[in-house]
PDB file of all heavy atoms in Angstrom:
ATOM      1  N   LYS A   1     -14.963 -20.041   7.368  1.00  0.00           N
ATOM      2  CA  LYS A   1     -13.501 -19.944   7.545  1.00  0.00           C
ATOM      3  C   LYS A   1     -12.889 -19.323   6.257  1.00  0.00           C
ATOM      4  O   LYS A   1     -12.022 -18.393   6.412  1.00  0.00           O
ATOM      5  CB  LYS A   1     -12.879 -21.327   7.724  1.00  0.00           C
ATOM      6  CG  LYS A   1     -11.418 -21.346   7.877  1.00  0.00           C
ATOM      7  CD  LYS A   1     -10.844 -22.720   8.091  1.00  0.00           C
ATOM      8  CE  LYS A   1      -9.301 -22.702   8.186  1.00  0.00           C
ATOM      9  NZ  LYS A   1      -8.769 -24.038   8.239  1.00  0.00           N
ATOM     10  N   LEU A   2     -13.368 -19.666   5.082  1.00  0.00           N
ATOM     11  CA  LEU A   2     -12.837 -19.076   3.869  1.00  0.00           C
ATOM     12  C   LEU A   2     -13.160 -17.619   3.770  1.00  0.00           C
ATOM     13  O   LEU A   2     -12.325 -16.802   3.343  1.00  0.00           O
ATOM     14  CB  LEU A   2     -13.431 -19.826   2.656  1.00  0.00           C
ATOM     15  CG  LEU A   2     -12.920 -19.435   1.306  1.00  0.00           C
ATOM     16  CD1 LEU A   2     -11.417 -19.670   1.222  1.00  0.00           C
ATOM     17  CD2 LEU A   2     -13.663 -20.221   0.225  1.00  0.00           C
ATOM     18  N   ARG A   3     -14.344 -17.190   4.214  1.00  0.00           N
ATOM     19  CA  ARG A   3     -14.726 -15.722   4.207  1.00  0.00           C
ATOM     20  C   ARG A   3     -13.842 -15.037   5.133  1.00  0.00           C
ATOM     21  O   ARG A   3     -13.322 -13.900   4.845  1.00  0.00           O
ATOM     22  CB  ARG A   3     -16.191 -15.596   4.648  1.00  0.00           C
ATOM     23  CG  ARG A   3     -17.167 -15.916   3.561  1.00  0.00           C
ATOM     24  CD  ARG A   3     -18.565 -15.623   4.006  1.00  0.00           C
ATOM     25  NE  ARG A   3     -19.445 -15.946   2.978  1.00  0.00           N
ATOM     26  CZ  ARG A   3     -20.718 -16.164   3.112  1.00  0.00           C
ATOM     27  NH1 ARG A   3     -21.242 -16.115   4.292  1.00  0.00           N
ATOM     28  NH2 ARG A   3     -21.499 -16.463   2.106  1.00  0.00           N
ATOM     29  N   LYS A   4     -13.496 -15.532   6.301  1.00  0.00           N
ATOM     30  CA  LYS A   4     -12.644 -14.882   7.199  1.00  0.00           C
ATOM     31  C   LYS A   4     -11.249 -14.723   6.653  1.00  0.00           C
ATOM     32  O   LYS A   4     -10.586 -13.640   6.766  1.00  0.00           O
ATOM     33  CB  LYS A   4     -12.581 -15.682   8.558  1.00  0.00           C
ATOM     34  CG  LYS A   4     -11.686 -15.089   9.656  1.00  0.00           C
ATOM     35  CD  LYS A   4     -11.702 -15.955  10.843  1.00  0.00           C
ATOM     36  CE  LYS A   4     -10.774 -15.362  11.943  1.00  0.00           C
ATOM     37  NZ  LYS A   4     -10.755 -16.179  13.088  1.00  0.00           N
ATOM     38  N   GLU A   5     -10.739 -15.738   5.981  1.00  0.00           N
ATOM     39  CA  GLU A   5      -9.342 -15.711   5.409  1.00  0.00           C
ATOM     40  C   GLU A   5      -9.371 -14.632   4.236  1.00  0.00           C
ATOM     41  O   GLU A   5      -8.411 -13.933   4.137  1.00  0.00           O
ATOM     42  CB  GLU A   5      -8.997 -17.049   4.857  1.00  0.00           C
ATOM     43  CG  GLU A   5      -8.649 -18.065   5.907  1.00  0.00           C
ATOM     44  CD  GLU A   5      -8.364 -19.441   5.371  1.00  0.00           C
ATOM     45  OE1 GLU A   5      -8.385 -19.615   4.134  1.00  0.00           O
ATOM     46  OE2 GLU A   5      -8.106 -20.328   6.222  1.00  0.00           O
ATOM     47  N   LEU A   6     -10.442 -14.617   3.545  1.00  0.00           N
ATOM     48  CA  LEU A   6     -10.520 -13.663   2.383  1.00  0.00           C
ATOM     49  C   LEU A   6     -10.529 -12.207   2.960  1.00  0.00           C
ATOM     50  O   LEU A   6      -9.884 -11.326   2.380  1.00  0.00           O
ATOM     51  CB  LEU A   6     -11.757 -13.892   1.577  1.00  0.00           C
ATOM     52  CG  LEU A   6     -11.956 -13.022   0.283  1.00  0.00           C
ATOM     53  CD1 LEU A   6     -10.775 -13.150  -0.615  1.00  0.00           C
ATOM     54  CD2 LEU A   6     -13.242 -13.340  -0.389  1.00  0.00           C
ATOM     55  N   LYS A   7     -11.260 -11.962   4.066  1.00  0.00           N
ATOM     56  CA  LYS A   7     -11.239 -10.656   4.640  1.00  0.00           C
ATOM     57  C   LYS A   7      -9.890 -10.250   5.114  1.00  0.00           C
ATOM     58  O   LYS A   7      -9.420  -9.106   4.969  1.00  0.00           O
ATOM     59  CB  LYS A   7     -12.255 -10.545   5.805  1.00  0.00           C
ATOM     60  CG  LYS A   7     -12.361  -9.201   6.364  1.00  0.00           C
ATOM     61  CD  LYS A   7     -13.321  -9.183   7.545  1.00  0.00           C
ATOM     62  CE  LYS A   7     -13.493  -7.793   8.173  1.00  0.00           C
ATOM     63  NZ  LYS A   7     -12.387  -6.886   8.212  1.00  0.00           N
ATOM     64  N   GLN A   8      -9.149 -11.140   5.798  1.00  0.00           N
ATOM     65  CA  GLN A   8      -7.857 -10.906   6.281  1.00  0.00           C
ATOM     66  C   GLN A   8      -6.894 -10.625   5.023  1.00  0.00           C
ATOM     67  O   GLN A   8      -6.062  -9.694   5.093  1.00  0.00           O
ATOM     68  CB  GLN A   8      -7.298 -12.145   7.003  1.00  0.00           C
ATOM     69  CG  GLN A   8      -7.914 -12.292   8.374  1.00  0.00           C
ATOM     70  CD  GLN A   8      -7.431 -13.575   9.083  1.00  0.00           C
ATOM     71  OE1 GLN A   8      -6.832 -14.401   8.416  1.00  0.00           O
ATOM     72  NE2 GLN A   8      -7.767 -13.719  10.331  1.00  0.00           N
ATOM     73  N   PHE A   9      -7.042 -11.348   3.953  1.00  0.00           N
ATOM     74  CA  PHE A   9      -6.224 -11.127   2.761  1.00  0.00           C
ATOM     75  C   PHE A   9      -6.524  -9.737   2.215  1.00  0.00           C
ATOM     76  O   PHE A   9      -5.564  -9.006   1.848  1.00  0.00           O
ATOM     77  CB  PHE A   9      -6.529 -12.180   1.731  1.00  0.00           C
ATOM     78  CG  PHE A   9      -5.840 -11.994   0.432  1.00  0.00           C
ATOM     79  CD1 PHE A   9      -4.474 -12.284   0.288  1.00  0.00           C
ATOM     80  CD2 PHE A   9      -6.517 -11.434  -0.702  1.00  0.00           C
ATOM     81  CE1 PHE A   9      -3.837 -11.998  -0.898  1.00  0.00           C
ATOM     82  CE2 PHE A   9      -5.858 -11.250  -1.869  1.00  0.00           C
ATOM     83  CZ  PHE A   9      -4.536 -11.561  -2.006  1.00  0.00           C
ATOM     84  N   ARG A  10      -7.756  -9.368   2.099  1.00  0.00           N
ATOM     85  CA  ARG A  10      -8.148  -8.011   1.612  1.00  0.00           C
ATOM     86  C   ARG A  10      -7.512  -6.930   2.459  1.00  0.00           C
ATOM     87  O   ARG A  10      -6.999  -5.918   1.986  1.00  0.00           O
ATOM     88  CB  ARG A  10      -9.702  -7.864   1.543  1.00  0.00           C
ATOM     89  CG  ARG A  10     -10.160  -8.121   0.139  1.00  0.00           C
ATOM     90  CD  ARG A  10     -11.613  -7.689   0.093  1.00  0.00           C
ATOM     91  NE  ARG A  10     -12.431  -8.898  -0.032  1.00  0.00           N
ATOM     92  CZ  ARG A  10     -13.645  -9.034   0.573  1.00  0.00           C
ATOM     93  NH1 ARG A  10     -14.168  -8.026   1.194  1.00  0.00           N
ATOM     94  NH2 ARG A  10     -14.262 -10.136   0.452  1.00  0.00           N
ATOM     95  N   ASP A  11      -7.673  -7.120   3.755  1.00  0.00           N
ATOM     96  CA  ASP A  11      -7.091  -6.101   4.709  1.00  0.00           C
ATOM     97  C   ASP A  11      -5.577  -5.952   4.562  1.00  0.00           C
ATOM     98  O   ASP A  11      -5.031  -4.845   4.542  1.00  0.00           O
ATOM     99  CB  ASP A  11      -7.432  -6.470   6.170  1.00  0.00           C
ATOM    100  CG  ASP A  11      -8.989  -6.340   6.489  1.00  0.00           C
ATOM    101  OD1 ASP A  11      -9.749  -5.644   5.666  1.00  0.00           O
ATOM    102  OD2 ASP A  11      -9.378  -6.883   7.514  1.00  0.00           O
ATOM    103  N   ASP A  12      -4.955  -7.133   4.457  1.00  0.00           N
ATOM    104  CA  ASP A  12      -3.495  -7.087   4.249  1.00  0.00           C
ATOM    105  C   ASP A  12      -3.100  -6.431   2.974  1.00  0.00           C
ATOM    106  O   ASP A  12      -2.145  -5.688   2.884  1.00  0.00           O
ATOM    107  CB  ASP A  12      -2.932  -8.567   4.333  1.00  0.00           C
ATOM    108  CG  ASP A  12      -1.439  -8.604   4.291  1.00  0.00           C
ATOM    109  OD1 ASP A  12      -0.749  -7.897   5.008  1.00  0.00           O
ATOM    110  OD2 ASP A  12      -0.905  -9.391   3.436  1.00  0.00           O
ATOM    111  N   LEU A  13      -3.848  -6.736   1.914  1.00  0.00           N
ATOM    112  CA  LEU A  13      -3.528  -6.189   0.638  1.00  0.00           C
ATOM    113  C   LEU A  13      -3.739  -4.672   0.641  1.00  0.00           C
ATOM    114  O   LEU A  13      -2.888  -3.949   0.115  1.00  0.00           O
ATOM    115  CB  LEU A  13      -4.446  -6.766  -0.466  1.00  0.00           C
ATOM    116  CG  LEU A  13      -4.168  -6.460  -1.878  1.00  0.00           C
ATOM    117  CD1 LEU A  13      -2.755  -6.917  -2.325  1.00  0.00           C
ATOM    118  CD2 LEU A  13      -5.201  -7.042  -2.770  1.00  0.00           C
ATOM    119  N   THR A  14      -4.773  -4.161   1.279  1.00  0.00           N
ATOM    120  CA  THR A  14      -4.997  -2.767   1.410  1.00  0.00           C
ATOM    121  C   THR A  14      -3.914  -2.105   2.163  1.00  0.00           C
ATOM    122  O   THR A  14      -3.411  -1.017   1.782  1.00  0.00           O
ATOM    123  CB  THR A  14      -6.360  -2.506   2.118  1.00  0.00           C
ATOM    124  OG1 THR A  14      -7.445  -3.156   1.376  1.00  0.00           O
ATOM    125  CG2 THR A  14      -6.657  -1.036   2.242  1.00  0.00           C
ATOM    126  N   ARG A  15      -3.478  -2.720   3.246  1.00  0.00           N
ATOM    127  CA  ARG A  15      -2.338  -2.185   4.109  1.00  0.00           C
ATOM    128  C   ARG A  15      -1.092  -2.116   3.282  1.00  0.00           C
ATOM    129  O   ARG A  15      -0.394  -1.081   3.285  1.00  0.00           O
ATOM    130  CB  ARG A  15      -2.227  -3.039   5.283  1.00  0.00           C
ATOM    131  CG  ARG A  15      -1.294  -2.514   6.337  1.00  0.00           C
ATOM    132  CD  ARG A  15      -1.262  -3.241   7.693  1.00  0.00           C
ATOM    133  NE  ARG A  15      -1.408  -4.706   7.577  1.00  0.00           N
ATOM    134  CZ  ARG A  15      -2.462  -5.459   7.775  1.00  0.00           C
ATOM    135  NH1 ARG A  15      -3.663  -4.898   8.098  1.00  0.00           N
ATOM    136  NH2 ARG A  15      -2.463  -6.761   7.650  1.00  0.00           N
ATOM    137  N   ARG A  16      -0.813  -3.142   2.542  1.00  0.00           N
ATOM    138  CA  ARG A  16       0.430  -3.172   1.713  1.00  0.00           C
ATOM    139  C   ARG A  16       0.358  -2.088   0.594  1.00  0.00           C
ATOM    140  O   ARG A  16       1.394  -1.405   0.338  1.00  0.00           O
ATOM    141  CB  ARG A  16       0.646  -4.552   1.085  1.00  0.00           C
ATOM    142  CG  ARG A  16       1.079  -5.588   2.028  1.00  0.00           C
ATOM    143  CD  ARG A  16       1.317  -6.854   1.306  1.00  0.00           C
ATOM    144  NE  ARG A  16       1.681  -7.946   2.251  1.00  0.00           N
ATOM    145  CZ  ARG A  16       2.228  -9.118   1.892  1.00  0.00           C
ATOM    146  NH1 ARG A  16       2.523  -9.298   0.621  1.00  0.00           N
ATOM    147  NH2 ARG A  16       2.512  -9.972   2.798  1.00  0.00           N
ATOM    148  N   HIS A  17      -0.793  -1.995   0.000  1.00  0.00           N
ATOM    149  CA  HIS A  17      -0.919  -0.980  -1.076  1.00  0.00           C
ATOM    150  C   HIS A  17      -0.721   0.408  -0.518  1.00  0.00           C
ATOM    151  O   HIS A  17      -0.048   1.226  -1.062  1.00  0.00           O
ATOM    152  CB  HIS A  17      -2.313  -1.075  -1.667  1.00  0.00           C
ATOM    153  CG  HIS A  17      -2.544  -0.160  -2.847  1.00  0.00           C
ATOM    154  ND1 HIS A  17      -2.011  -0.223  -4.038  1.00  0.00           N
ATOM    155  CD2 HIS A  17      -3.368   1.008  -2.862  1.00  0.00           C
ATOM    156  CE1 HIS A  17      -2.363   0.705  -4.785  1.00  0.00           C
ATOM    157  NE2 HIS A  17      -3.246   1.498  -4.109  1.00  0.00           N
ATOM    158  N   HIS A  18      -1.267   0.708   0.675  1.00  0.00           N
ATOM    159  CA  HIS A  18      -1.105   2.025   1.291  1.00  0.00           C
ATOM    160  C   HIS A  18       0.339   2.280   1.596  1.00  0.00           C
ATOM    161  O   HIS A  18       0.884   3.390   1.339  1.00  0.00           O
ATOM    162  CB  HIS A  18      -1.969   2.061   2.574  1.00  0.00           C
ATOM    163  CG  HIS A  18      -1.878   3.396   3.271  1.00  0.00           C
ATOM    164  ND1 HIS A  18      -2.472   4.508   2.790  1.00  0.00           N
ATOM    165  CD2 HIS A  18      -1.260   3.758   4.432  1.00  0.00           C
ATOM    166  CE1 HIS A  18      -2.203   5.521   3.595  1.00  0.00           C
ATOM    167  NE2 HIS A  18      -1.512   5.097   4.647  1.00  0.00           N
ATOM    168  N   THR A  19       0.992   1.280   2.145  1.00  0.00           N
ATOM    169  CA  THR A  19       2.458   1.424   2.467  1.00  0.00           C
ATOM    170  C   THR A  19       3.249   1.705   1.221  1.00  0.00           C
ATOM    171  O   THR A  19       4.239   2.444   1.223  1.00  0.00           O
ATOM    172  CB  THR A  19       2.966   0.102   3.173  1.00  0.00           C
ATOM    173  OG1 THR A  19       2.249  -0.091   4.332  1.00  0.00           O
ATOM    174  CG2 THR A  19       4.431   0.268   3.558  1.00  0.00           C
ATOM    175  N   MET A  20       2.942   0.961   0.108  1.00  0.00           N
ATOM    176  CA  MET A  20       3.678   1.160  -1.128  1.00  0.00           C
ATOM    177  C   MET A  20       3.452   2.541  -1.693  1.00  0.00           C
ATOM    178  O   MET A  20       4.336   3.172  -2.176  1.00  0.00           O
ATOM    179  CB  MET A  20       3.272   0.074  -2.107  1.00  0.00           C
ATOM    180  CG  MET A  20       4.128   0.108  -3.390  1.00  0.00           C
ATOM    181  SD  MET A  20       3.749  -1.159  -4.614  1.00  0.00           S
ATOM    182  CE  MET A  20       3.949  -2.631  -3.634  1.00  0.00           C
ATOM    183  N   GLN A  21       2.215   3.006  -1.560  1.00  0.00           N
ATOM    184  CA  GLN A  21       1.877   4.401  -2.071  1.00  0.00           C
ATOM    185  C   GLN A  21       2.716   5.477  -1.259  1.00  0.00           C
ATOM    186  O   GLN A  21       3.236   6.339  -1.850  1.00  0.00           O
ATOM    187  CB  GLN A  21       0.399   4.705  -1.990  1.00  0.00           C
ATOM    188  CG  GLN A  21      -0.430   3.895  -2.973  1.00  0.00           C
ATOM    189  CD  GLN A  21      -0.154   4.350  -4.378  1.00  0.00           C
ATOM    190  OE1 GLN A  21       0.030   5.508  -4.647  1.00  0.00           O
ATOM    191  NE2 GLN A  21      -0.148   3.414  -5.275  1.00  0.00           N
ATOM    192  N   LYS A  22       2.834   5.193   0.059  1.00  0.00           N
ATOM    193  CA  LYS A  22       3.574   6.165   0.828  1.00  0.00           C
ATOM    194  C   LYS A  22       5.052   6.165   0.433  1.00  0.00           C
ATOM    195  O   LYS A  22       5.701   7.168   0.363  1.00  0.00           O
ATOM    196  CB  LYS A  22       3.389   5.858   2.354  1.00  0.00           C
ATOM    197  CG  LYS A  22       2.047   6.352   2.902  1.00  0.00           C
ATOM    198  CD  LYS A  22       1.872   5.802   4.306  1.00  0.00           C
ATOM    199  CE  LYS A  22       2.811   6.421   5.230  1.00  0.00           C
ATOM    200  NZ  LYS A  22       2.584   6.040   6.699  1.00  0.00           N
ATOM    201  N   ALA A  23       5.587   4.964   0.193  1.00  0.00           N
ATOM    202  CA  ALA A  23       6.958   4.827  -0.143  1.00  0.00           C
ATOM    203  C   ALA A  23       7.232   5.461  -1.523  1.00  0.00           C
ATOM    204  O   ALA A  23       8.234   6.118  -1.701  1.00  0.00           O
ATOM    205  CB  ALA A  23       7.403   3.372  -0.236  1.00  0.00           C
ATOM    206  N   MET A  24       6.306   5.353  -2.430  1.00  0.00           N
ATOM    207  CA  MET A  24       6.451   5.967  -3.793  1.00  0.00           C
ATOM    208  C   MET A  24       6.425   7.488  -3.632  1.00  0.00           C
ATOM    209  O   MET A  24       7.211   8.204  -4.295  1.00  0.00           O
ATOM    210  CB  MET A  24       5.359   5.535  -4.759  1.00  0.00           C
ATOM    211  CG  MET A  24       5.571   4.034  -5.201  1.00  0.00           C
ATOM    212  SD  MET A  24       4.195   3.375  -6.178  1.00  0.00           S
ATOM    213  CE  MET A  24       3.705   4.687  -7.271  1.00  0.00           C
ATOM    214  N   GLN A  25       5.572   8.040  -2.761  1.00  0.00           N
ATOM    215  CA  GLN A  25       5.516   9.485  -2.523  1.00  0.00           C
ATOM    216  C   GLN A  25       6.861   9.991  -1.950  1.00  0.00           C
ATOM    217  O   GLN A  25       7.314  11.043  -2.271  1.00  0.00           O
ATOM    218  CB  GLN A  25       4.381   9.849  -1.588  1.00  0.00           C
ATOM    219  CG  GLN A  25       3.012   9.730  -2.319  1.00  0.00           C
ATOM    220  CD  GLN A  25       1.893   9.983  -1.364  1.00  0.00           C
ATOM    221  OE1 GLN A  25       2.090  10.107  -0.148  1.00  0.00           O
ATOM    222  NE2 GLN A  25       0.659  10.082  -1.865  1.00  0.00           N
ATOM    223  N   ARG A  26       7.452   9.168  -1.060  1.00  0.00           N
ATOM    224  CA  ARG A  26       8.692   9.609  -0.491  1.00  0.00           C
ATOM    225  C   ARG A  26       9.768   9.609  -1.490  1.00  0.00           C
ATOM    226  O   ARG A  26      10.611  10.594  -1.529  1.00  0.00           O
ATOM    227  CB  ARG A  26       9.056   8.652   0.665  1.00  0.00           C
ATOM    228  CG  ARG A  26       8.302   8.819   1.929  1.00  0.00           C
ATOM    229  CD  ARG A  26       8.853   7.943   3.052  1.00  0.00           C
ATOM    230  NE  ARG A  26       7.857   7.800   4.043  1.00  0.00           N
ATOM    231  CZ  ARG A  26       7.446   6.630   4.557  1.00  0.00           C
ATOM    232  NH1 ARG A  26       8.082   5.529   4.113  1.00  0.00           N
ATOM    233  NH2 ARG A  26       6.556   6.560   5.419  1.00  0.00           N
ATOM    234  N   VAL A  27       9.833   8.636  -2.435  1.00  0.00           N
ATOM    235  CA  VAL A  27      10.816   8.559  -3.423  1.00  0.00           C
ATOM    236  C   VAL A  27      10.646   9.741  -4.385  1.00  0.00           C
ATOM    237  O   VAL A  27      11.653  10.420  -4.750  1.00  0.00           O
ATOM    238  CB  VAL A  27      10.774   7.192  -4.204  1.00  0.00           C
ATOM    239  CG1 VAL A  27      11.588   7.243  -5.503  1.00  0.00           C
ATOM    240  CG2 VAL A  27      11.206   6.091  -3.290  1.00  0.00           C
ATOM    241  N   ILE A  28       9.475  10.010  -4.806  1.00  0.00           N
ATOM    242  CA  ILE A  28       9.198  11.108  -5.730  1.00  0.00           C
ATOM    243  C   ILE A  28       9.558  12.407  -5.021  1.00  0.00           C
ATOM    244  O   ILE A  28      10.255  13.302  -5.643  1.00  0.00           O
ATOM    245  CB  ILE A  28       7.714  11.084  -6.117  1.00  0.00           C
ATOM    246  CG1 ILE A  28       7.470   9.963  -7.081  1.00  0.00           C
ATOM    247  CG2 ILE A  28       7.381  12.444  -6.827  1.00  0.00           C
ATOM    248  CD1 ILE A  28       5.967   9.770  -7.364  1.00  0.00           C
ATOM    249  N   ALA A  29       9.269  12.597  -3.747  1.00  0.00           N
ATOM    250  CA  ALA A  29       9.601  13.779  -3.073  1.00  0.00           C
ATOM    251  C   ALA A  29      11.157  13.920  -2.920  1.00  0.00           C
ATOM    252  O   ALA A  29      11.694  15.031  -2.913  1.00  0.00           O
ATOM    253  CB  ALA A  29       8.919  13.816  -1.656  1.00  0.00           C
ATOM    254  N   SER A  30      11.830  12.809  -2.767  1.00  0.00           N
ATOM    255  CA  SER A  30      13.296  12.936  -2.538  1.00  0.00           C
ATOM    256  C   SER A  30      14.024  13.360  -3.782  1.00  0.00           C
ATOM    257  O   SER A  30      15.101  13.875  -3.704  1.00  0.00           O
ATOM    258  CB  SER A  30      13.862  11.587  -2.043  1.00  0.00           C
ATOM    259  OG  SER A  30      13.773  10.589  -3.109  1.00  0.00           O
ATOM    260  N   TYR A  31      13.485  13.143  -4.964  1.00  0.00           N
ATOM    261  CA  TYR A  31      14.103  13.558  -6.213  1.00  0.00           C
ATOM    262  C   TYR A  31      13.755  14.970  -6.592  1.00  0.00           C
ATOM    263  O   TYR A  31      14.335  15.492  -7.469  1.00  0.00           O
ATOM    264  CB  TYR A  31      13.693  12.616  -7.382  1.00  0.00           C
ATOM    265  CG  TYR A  31      14.438  11.258  -7.340  1.00  0.00           C
ATOM    266  CD1 TYR A  31      13.751  10.126  -7.108  1.00  0.00           C
ATOM    267  CD2 TYR A  31      15.811  11.231  -7.578  1.00  0.00           C
ATOM    268  CE1 TYR A  31      14.391   8.881  -7.105  1.00  0.00           C
ATOM    269  CE2 TYR A  31      16.462  10.018  -7.552  1.00  0.00           C
ATOM    270  CZ  TYR A  31      15.804   8.827  -7.309  1.00  0.00           C
ATOM    271  OH  TYR A  31      16.389   7.664  -7.292  1.00  0.00           O
ATOM    272  N   GLY A  32      12.743  15.489  -5.874  1.00  0.00           N
ATOM    273  CA  GLY A  32      12.347  16.905  -6.158  1.00  0.00           C
ATOM    274  C   GLY A  32      11.740  17.080  -7.514  1.00  0.00           C
ATOM    275  O   GLY A  32      11.905  18.149  -8.157  1.00  0.00           O
ATOM    276  N   ILE A  33      11.085  16.013  -8.047  1.00  0.00           N
ATOM    277  CA  ILE A  33      10.429  16.168  -9.326  1.00  0.00           C
ATOM    278  C   ILE A  33       8.905  16.133  -9.121  1.00  0.00           C
ATOM    279  O   ILE A  33       8.388  15.755  -8.047  1.00  0.00           O
ATOM    280  CB  ILE A  33      10.835  15.110 -10.330  1.00  0.00           C
ATOM    281  CG1 ILE A  33      10.520  13.673  -9.728  1.00  0.00           C
ATOM    282  CG2 ILE A  33      12.315  15.163 -10.684  1.00  0.00           C
ATOM    283  CD1 ILE A  33      10.785  12.512 -10.633  1.00  0.00           C
ATOM    284  N   ASP A  34       8.168  16.576 -10.153  1.00  0.00           N
ATOM    285  CA  ASP A  34       6.685  16.549 -10.055  1.00  0.00           C
ATOM    286  C   ASP A  34       6.216  15.087 -10.144  1.00  0.00           C
ATOM    287  O   ASP A  34       6.736  14.257 -10.825  1.00  0.00           O
ATOM    288  CB  ASP A  34       6.094  17.376 -11.200  1.00  0.00           C
ATOM    289  CG  ASP A  34       6.421  18.822 -11.040  1.00  0.00           C
ATOM    290  OD1 ASP A  34       6.601  19.243  -9.918  1.00  0.00           O
ATOM    291  OD2 ASP A  34       6.395  19.563 -12.078  1.00  0.00           O
ATOM    292  N   ASP A  35       5.087  14.879  -9.493  1.00  0.00           N
ATOM    293  CA  ASP A  35       4.406  13.555  -9.581  1.00  0.00           C
ATOM    294  C   ASP A  35       3.812  13.378 -10.967  1.00  0.00           C
ATOM    295  O   ASP A  35       2.974  14.132 -11.362  1.00  0.00           O
ATOM    296  CB  ASP A  35       3.376  13.588  -8.488  1.00  0.00           C
ATOM    297  CG  ASP A  35       2.722  12.125  -8.346  1.00  0.00           C
ATOM    298  OD1 ASP A  35       3.119  11.187  -9.047  1.00  0.00           O
ATOM    299  OD2 ASP A  35       1.815  12.011  -7.515  1.00  0.00           O
TER     300      ASP A  35
END
């Protein structure tokens, strides 16, 4: 059960990280500055 919960946590963390990276790219693009 703990292994299953850990896998779900990792998947959720990966998904959140990806979403945050996309949001950061949008913010950088909206200011028209270099990354």
